[in-house]
Protein backbone atom coordinates (compact mmCIF):
# COMPACT_ATOMS: atom_id res chain seq x y z
CA TYR A 1 50.54 99.28 73.50
CA GLY A 2 50.30 102.30 71.28
CA TYR A 3 52.80 105.14 70.75
CA PRO A 4 53.62 107.13 73.74
CA THR A 5 51.24 109.91 74.74
CA PRO A 6 52.58 113.49 75.26
CA TYR A 7 53.28 114.88 78.68
CA ASN A 8 50.82 117.56 79.84
CA PRO A 9 52.75 119.76 82.25
CA GLN A 10 49.65 120.82 83.79
CA PRO A 11 47.12 117.85 84.23
CA GLU A 12 43.74 118.32 85.62
CA PRO A 13 43.56 116.39 88.91
CA ARG A 14 43.46 112.92 88.29
CA THR A 15 41.20 110.64 90.14
CA ASN A 16 43.23 108.33 92.50
CA GLY A 17 43.99 104.98 90.94
CA LEU A 18 43.80 103.20 94.42
CA ALA A 19 40.51 104.72 94.99
CA VAL A 20 38.82 103.37 92.08
CA GLY A 21 40.84 99.86 92.84
CA SER A 22 39.23 99.91 96.15
CA LEU A 23 35.77 100.62 94.90
CA VAL A 24 36.00 97.77 92.20
CA THR A 25 37.41 95.33 94.48
CA GLY A 26 35.13 95.73 97.16
CA LEU A 27 32.25 95.38 94.80
CA SER A 28 34.05 92.04 93.51
CA LEU A 29 34.02 91.01 97.16
CA LEU A 30 37.93 91.04 97.26
CA GLY A 31 37.38 92.58 101.10
CA PRO A 32 40.92 92.41 102.00
CA VAL A 33 42.50 93.99 99.25
CA ALA A 34 39.70 96.64 98.99
CA LEU A 35 40.40 97.33 102.58
CA VAL A 36 43.94 98.04 101.99
CA LEU A 37 43.63 100.05 98.75
CA GLY A 38 40.87 102.20 100.23
CA ILE A 39 43.18 103.00 103.35
CA LEU A 40 46.18 103.87 101.17
CA ALA A 41 44.15 106.01 98.79
CA LEU A 42 42.27 107.96 101.77
CA ASN A 43 46.31 108.81 102.80
CA ARG A 44 47.13 109.75 99.22
CA ILE A 45 44.22 111.63 98.23
CA GLY A 46 44.78 114.28 101.20
CA ARG A 47 48.33 114.74 100.20
CA ARG A 48 48.08 115.08 96.53
CA GLY A 49 44.85 116.78 96.06
CA GLU A 50 43.50 114.03 93.82
CA ARG A 51 39.85 112.93 93.29
CA GLY A 52 38.06 110.29 94.50
CA GLN A 53 37.46 110.25 98.30
CA GLY A 54 34.07 108.89 98.24
CA MET A 55 35.19 105.81 96.20
CA ALA A 56 37.73 105.23 98.95
CA VAL A 57 35.50 105.39 101.58
CA THR A 58 33.03 103.39 99.90
CA GLY A 59 35.89 100.95 99.10
CA VAL A 60 36.86 100.68 102.84
CA VAL A 61 33.34 99.69 103.82
CA LEU A 62 32.99 97.45 101.10
CA GLY A 63 36.25 95.85 102.18
CA VAL A 64 35.19 95.15 105.85
CA VAL A 65 32.18 93.38 104.33
CA GLY A 66 33.85 91.79 101.40
CA THR A 67 36.36 90.20 103.87
CA VAL A 68 33.64 88.20 105.69
CA LEU A 69 32.07 87.26 102.41
CA LEU A 70 35.36 86.40 100.56
CA ALA A 71 36.36 83.92 103.28
CA LEU A 72 32.79 82.53 103.39
CA LEU A 73 31.68 82.11 100.26
CA LEU A 74 35.01 82.17 97.97
CA GLY A 75 37.84 81.25 100.33
CA ALA A 76 40.30 83.26 98.37
CA GLY A 77 41.45 85.70 95.43
CA ASP A 78 43.99 85.09 92.72
CA PHE A 79 47.38 86.88 93.70
CA GLY A 80 49.09 85.74 90.32
CA PRO A 81 50.72 88.33 87.98
CA ALA A 82 48.37 90.90 86.70
CA ARG A 83 49.61 90.19 83.13
CA ASN A 84 52.10 87.80 81.20
CA GLY A 85 52.74 86.79 77.67
CA ARG A 86 55.15 84.94 75.36
CA TYR A 87 57.91 86.54 73.40
CA GLY A 88 58.61 85.46 70.00
CA PRO A 89 60.90 85.60 67.05
CA ALA A 90 59.40 87.98 64.47
CA GLY A 91 62.31 89.12 62.13
CA LYS A 92 64.04 92.37 62.04
CA PRO A 93 63.11 94.87 64.48
CA PRO A 94 61.84 98.40 63.19
CA ALA A 95 64.27 101.48 63.42
CA GLY A 96 64.85 102.18 66.92
CA ALA A 97 63.37 98.97 68.31
CA VAL A 98 65.12 96.00 69.67
CA SER A 99 63.90 92.52 70.28
CA TRP A 100 62.26 91.81 73.79
CA SER A 101 65.01 89.16 74.79
CA ALA A 102 67.49 91.83 74.46
CA LEU A 103 66.49 93.59 77.12
CA LYS A 104 68.49 93.70 80.41
CA ALA A 105 67.99 94.32 83.99
CA GLY A 106 67.77 98.17 84.39
CA ASP A 107 66.68 98.53 80.90
CA CYS A 108 63.20 100.72 80.59
CA TYR A 109 61.14 100.55 77.37
CA ASP A 110 58.13 101.49 75.21
CA SER A 111 56.42 99.43 72.64
CA PRO A 112 56.13 100.35 69.17
CA GLY A 113 53.01 99.99 66.88
CA GLY A 114 52.99 96.40 65.62
CA GLY A 115 55.52 95.38 68.57
CA SER A 116 52.97 92.49 69.65
CA THR A 117 49.95 90.65 68.70
CA THR A 118 46.94 89.23 70.81
CA ASP A 119 45.37 85.76 69.87
CA GLU A 120 41.92 85.09 70.44
CA ASN A 121 42.20 83.88 73.91
CA GLY A 122 44.04 87.23 74.94
CA ASP A 123 47.46 85.66 75.11
CA GLU A 124 49.91 88.25 74.03
CA THR A 125 53.13 87.55 71.94
CA VAL A 126 55.61 90.14 72.01
CA PHE A 127 58.15 90.70 68.97
CA TRP A 128 59.85 93.98 69.86
CA VAL A 129 60.17 96.99 72.16
CA ARG A 130 62.00 100.36 71.91
CA ARG A 131 64.59 100.72 74.70
CA VAL A 132 64.48 104.25 76.29
CA PRO A 133 66.49 106.10 79.15
CA CYS A 134 64.50 105.48 82.65
CA ALA A 135 64.70 109.24 82.93
CA ASP A 136 62.40 109.81 80.11
CA PRO A 137 58.81 108.62 80.14
CA HIS A 138 58.31 105.00 79.61
CA HIS A 139 55.76 102.05 80.32
CA GLY A 140 58.03 99.35 81.51
CA GLU A 141 61.24 98.68 83.17
CA VAL A 142 63.08 95.25 83.44
CA ALA A 143 64.05 93.73 86.73
CA GLY A 144 66.07 90.88 85.46
CA THR A 145 66.04 87.42 83.52
CA ALA A 146 65.95 83.81 84.90
CA LYS A 147 66.82 80.70 83.11
CA VAL A 148 63.49 78.48 82.87
CA SER A 149 65.74 75.17 82.14
CA ASP A 150 69.46 74.30 81.80
CA ASP A 151 68.72 71.19 79.97
CA SER A 152 68.31 70.54 76.33
CA GLY A 153 65.13 68.77 76.26
CA SER A 154 61.99 69.64 74.26
CA TYR A 155 59.53 72.36 75.13
CA PRO A 156 57.54 71.19 78.24
CA GLY A 157 54.25 73.07 77.13
CA GLU A 158 53.28 76.71 77.59
CA ALA A 159 51.34 75.93 80.92
CA VAL A 160 54.35 74.46 82.39
CA VAL A 161 56.70 77.28 81.10
CA ARG A 162 54.16 79.80 82.26
CA GLN A 163 53.71 78.91 85.80
CA ARG A 164 57.90 78.20 86.22
CA ALA A 165 58.01 81.83 84.55
CA ALA A 166 55.68 83.19 87.25
CA GLU A 167 57.72 81.30 90.34
CA LEU A 168 60.97 82.68 88.77
CA CYS A 169 60.00 86.24 88.55
CA ARG A 170 58.69 86.40 92.00
CA SER A 171 62.06 86.58 93.52
CA VAL A 172 63.51 88.22 90.76
CA LEU A 173 61.00 91.39 91.00
CA ASP A 174 61.35 91.44 94.80
CA ASP A 175 65.19 91.64 94.85
CA TYR A 176 65.04 94.49 92.05
CA ALA A 177 62.30 96.55 93.89
CA LEU A 178 62.79 95.75 97.78
CA ASP A 179 60.25 98.22 98.69
CA GLN A 180 57.28 97.39 96.66
CA TRP A 181 55.34 100.31 98.16
CA ALA A 182 57.34 102.67 96.24
CA VAL A 183 56.51 101.31 92.67
CA PRO A 184 54.04 103.41 91.19
CA ASP A 185 50.24 102.94 91.26
CA GLY A 186 49.32 101.02 87.92
CA MET A 187 52.86 99.47 87.37
CA ASP A 188 52.07 95.87 87.41
CA ASP A 189 54.24 92.63 87.74
CA VAL A 190 54.87 91.44 84.26
CA TYR A 191 56.68 88.13 83.12
CA LEU A 192 57.70 86.98 79.23
CA TYR A 193 58.46 83.74 78.69
CA PRO A 194 59.82 81.86 75.54
CA SER A 195 57.64 80.43 72.99
CA GLU A 196 58.09 76.95 71.28
CA GLY A 197 60.13 78.63 68.52
CA ASN A 198 62.43 80.58 70.94
CA TRP A 199 62.90 77.54 73.23
CA GLU A 200 64.03 75.59 69.99
CA SER A 201 66.68 78.18 69.00
CA GLY A 202 68.09 78.04 72.56
CA GLU A 203 66.09 81.15 74.40
CA ARG A 204 65.10 79.41 77.47
CA PHE A 205 64.54 82.40 79.69
CA VAL A 206 62.03 84.26 81.23
CA THR A 207 62.27 88.21 81.34
CA CYS A 208 60.64 89.84 84.53
CA ALA A 209 59.42 93.63 84.53
CA PHE A 210 57.17 96.13 85.79
CA GLU A 211 54.91 97.97 83.38
CA ASP A 212 52.09 100.25 83.13
CA ARG A 213 50.30 99.65 79.98
CA ASP A 214 48.08 102.78 80.53
CA ASP A 215 50.37 105.44 81.73
CA GLN A 216 54.20 106.54 81.32
CA HIS A 217 56.41 107.20 83.98
CA ARG A 218 59.98 108.73 84.90
CA GLY A 219 62.64 107.40 87.09
CA THR A 220 63.49 103.82 88.06
CA VAL A 221 61.50 101.57 90.61
CA ARG A 222 65.04 99.77 91.33
CA THR A 223 65.96 99.82 95.24
CA ASP A 224 68.80 101.61 95.86
CA ARG A 225 69.97 99.87 99.25
CA ALA A 226 73.22 102.16 99.77
CA ALA A 227 70.78 104.96 99.95
CA LEU A 228 68.76 103.37 102.65
CA THR A 229 69.54 103.88 106.59
CA SER A 230 70.07 100.80 108.70
CA ALA A 231 66.75 101.04 110.10
CA GLN A 232 65.08 101.35 106.53
CA LEU A 233 66.80 98.16 105.48
CA ALA A 234 66.10 96.29 108.49
CA TYR A 235 62.32 96.88 108.07
CA LEU A 236 62.00 96.34 104.64
CA GLN A 237 64.23 93.00 105.03
CA ALA A 238 61.91 92.21 108.44
CA VAL A 239 58.60 92.33 106.17
CA ARG A 240 59.56 90.91 102.96
CA GLY A 241 58.99 87.56 103.77
CA PHE A 242 55.64 87.61 104.92
CA ASN A 243 54.73 89.85 101.56
CA THR A 244 56.05 87.43 99.52
CA ALA A 245 54.30 84.18 101.08
CA TYR A 246 51.00 86.48 101.50
CA ALA A 247 51.20 86.95 97.49
CA GLU A 248 51.40 83.18 97.08
CA ALA A 249 47.82 82.26 98.33
CA PRO A 250 46.08 79.57 96.54
CA LYS A 251 44.37 80.50 93.20
CA LYS A 252 41.29 78.03 93.80
CA ASP A 253 38.42 78.61 96.15
CA LEU A 254 38.72 77.18 99.41
CA ALA A 255 36.17 74.36 98.84
CA ALA A 256 38.20 73.00 95.96
CA ALA A 257 41.46 73.27 97.21
CA GLU A 258 41.45 73.00 101.42
CA SER A 259 44.78 71.17 101.61
CA ASP A 260 46.62 73.79 99.72
CA TYR A 261 45.29 76.41 102.09
CA ARG A 262 46.33 74.68 105.28
CA ALA A 263 49.56 74.33 103.35
CA TRP A 264 49.84 78.21 102.66
CA ALA A 265 48.39 78.73 106.19
CA ARG A 266 51.88 77.01 107.77
CA ARG A 267 53.96 79.28 105.74
CA MET A 268 51.97 82.15 106.47
CA ALA A 269 52.50 81.36 110.13
CA ALA A 270 56.39 80.77 109.79
CA ALA A 271 56.77 83.96 107.75
CA SER A 272 54.85 86.06 110.64
CA ARG A 273 57.13 84.33 113.25
CA ALA A 274 60.37 85.41 111.26
CA GLU A 275 58.91 88.83 110.91
CA VAL A 276 58.20 89.07 114.68
CA ALA A 277 62.11 87.99 114.92
CA ALA A 278 63.49 90.20 112.66
CA LEU A 279 61.40 93.17 114.30
CA ARG A 280 62.63 92.33 117.58
CA SER A 281 66.28 91.52 116.84
CA PRO A 282 68.70 93.76 119.20
CA SER A 283 71.20 94.52 116.29
CA VAL A 284 68.27 97.00 115.05
CA ASN A 285 68.53 100.44 116.60
CA TRP A 286 64.89 101.78 115.72
CA PRO A 287 64.41 105.49 115.95
CA ASP A 288 62.49 106.62 119.18
CA GLU A 289 59.45 107.61 117.14
CA VAL A 290 58.65 104.50 115.65
CA ARG A 291 59.59 102.27 118.38
CA PRO A 292 56.05 102.19 119.98
CA ASN A 293 54.55 101.20 116.53
CA ILE A 294 57.17 98.50 115.92
CA GLY A 295 55.85 96.68 119.25
CA LYS A 296 52.37 97.05 118.04
CA LEU A 297 53.21 95.48 114.82
CA VAL A 298 55.37 92.82 116.80
CA ASP A 299 51.98 92.15 118.74
CA THR A 300 49.74 91.99 115.73
CA LYS A 301 52.09 89.69 114.01
CA SER A 302 52.24 87.37 116.87
CA GLN A 303 48.65 86.95 116.89
CA GLU A 304 48.62 86.58 113.27
CA ALA A 305 50.98 83.35 113.60
CA THR A 306 48.39 81.87 116.13
CA ALA A 307 45.62 82.54 113.67
CA TRP A 308 47.28 81.13 110.65
CA ASP A 309 48.21 78.07 113.19
CA ALA A 310 44.36 77.81 113.50
CA VAL A 311 43.88 77.78 109.86
CA ALA A 312 46.76 75.11 109.28
CA SER A 313 45.20 72.73 111.79
CA GLY A 314 41.75 73.64 113.13
CA ASP A 315 38.31 72.49 112.13
CA ASP A 316 36.92 75.63 110.91
CA VAL A 317 39.25 76.73 108.04
CA ALA A 318 36.97 79.40 106.43
CA GLY A 319 36.33 81.11 110.03
CA ASP A 320 40.01 80.56 110.84
CA LEU A 321 41.10 82.09 107.47
CA LEU A 322 38.57 85.06 108.03
CA ARG A 323 40.08 85.81 111.33
CA ALA A 324 43.71 85.55 109.87
CA ARG A 325 43.04 87.98 107.14
CA ALA A 326 41.49 90.42 109.48
CA LEU A 327 44.56 90.58 111.56
CA VAL A 328 46.38 91.26 108.71
CA ALA A 329 44.38 94.17 107.60
CA LYS A 330 44.27 95.33 111.24
CA GLY A 331 48.46 95.84 110.69
CA VAL A 332 48.31 97.84 107.45
CA PRO A 333 47.76 100.99 109.58
CA ILE A 334 50.60 100.32 111.91
CA SER A 335 53.08 99.65 109.04
CA VAL A 336 51.76 103.02 107.14
CA GLU A 337 52.75 104.70 110.53
CA ILE A 338 55.97 103.00 111.00
CA ARG A 339 57.01 103.51 107.37
CA ARG A 340 56.11 107.39 107.82
CA GLY A 341 58.43 107.42 110.98
CA LEU A 342 61.08 105.61 108.94
CA GLY A 343 60.71 107.98 105.93
CA LEU A 344 59.85 104.97 103.44
CA PRO A 345 57.12 105.63 100.99
CA THR A 346 53.59 105.36 102.42
CA GLY A 347 52.00 105.44 99.11
CA GLU A 348 51.50 109.14 98.65
CA GLN A 349 54.92 109.31 96.77
CA ALA A 350 54.32 106.71 94.29
CA PRO A 351 52.55 109.04 91.55
CA ASP A 352 55.53 111.40 91.84
CA LEU A 353 57.22 108.98 89.13
CA ARG A 354 54.35 109.30 86.77
CA VAL A 355 54.30 111.65 83.74
């Protein structure tokens, strides 16, 4: 990190980040991701006056092609955290800074110069940060902490701690920002885990945060559940399980981890059916303007469940995986319209928090 960049009250129209992401992921054969990013980018560009329409359109086209090639050639992408690092002891923080381990849920922060180091492998060790009000420009926001271990055993090794941190932070981040579509473009999931020195001194917890290393933001990404309507809350809770399961896609190629993909597909089928049940719940009074699209999403999710069943138990895992992911992509525009009808973020609103 460097020092915070100054706020420009009259910025030039920025190139839409989702459009760039759609093009890059499309060229990288990350088809489903490129397709979703391209659709969201086109929605946002028209409303925000941003640049990048050509890239977004190209990303959508490459997304369709890449979805096919992805399943056949690679099997899956890596949906793990965008960045992670360890926190470590480093003496007394400079004036105005605090040690990373002092941050709590709801704290927003920037990093002063010298607050972290990066080794030859690209792994970062964070020593201290500058805590700032969330109303002020900031790069990150802490969602919460979780204990890695309750026992007094020896340090299990960085790889084990890192994996455990990723598992723990997933639910912490989801609880904090129930609606991931409201998180600004560029703000990634981040987790900081203890170094061996921290572990030996008794600090055995992981800190989970949202962070944008390039741009600053104002405001909080925390979901205020009290401010949601009953229909908004019902929808977000209905889709949460599916989104969480989808983010847990195996990291290895299909050819090297077929059993992992079959197990994941079983979870996806169960999550799809759970979403259908929640959307159909008689206790939810969907507004008239969204009820038809709720029905369409129910139909699509029911088809997805069957498709994921085929991935789990069929003979053509690659082909069945392609069909299941294509159905997931098909449901994205329906979800956008439901969100618009409910007054939930559809992607266009996220940059409003950016400085």
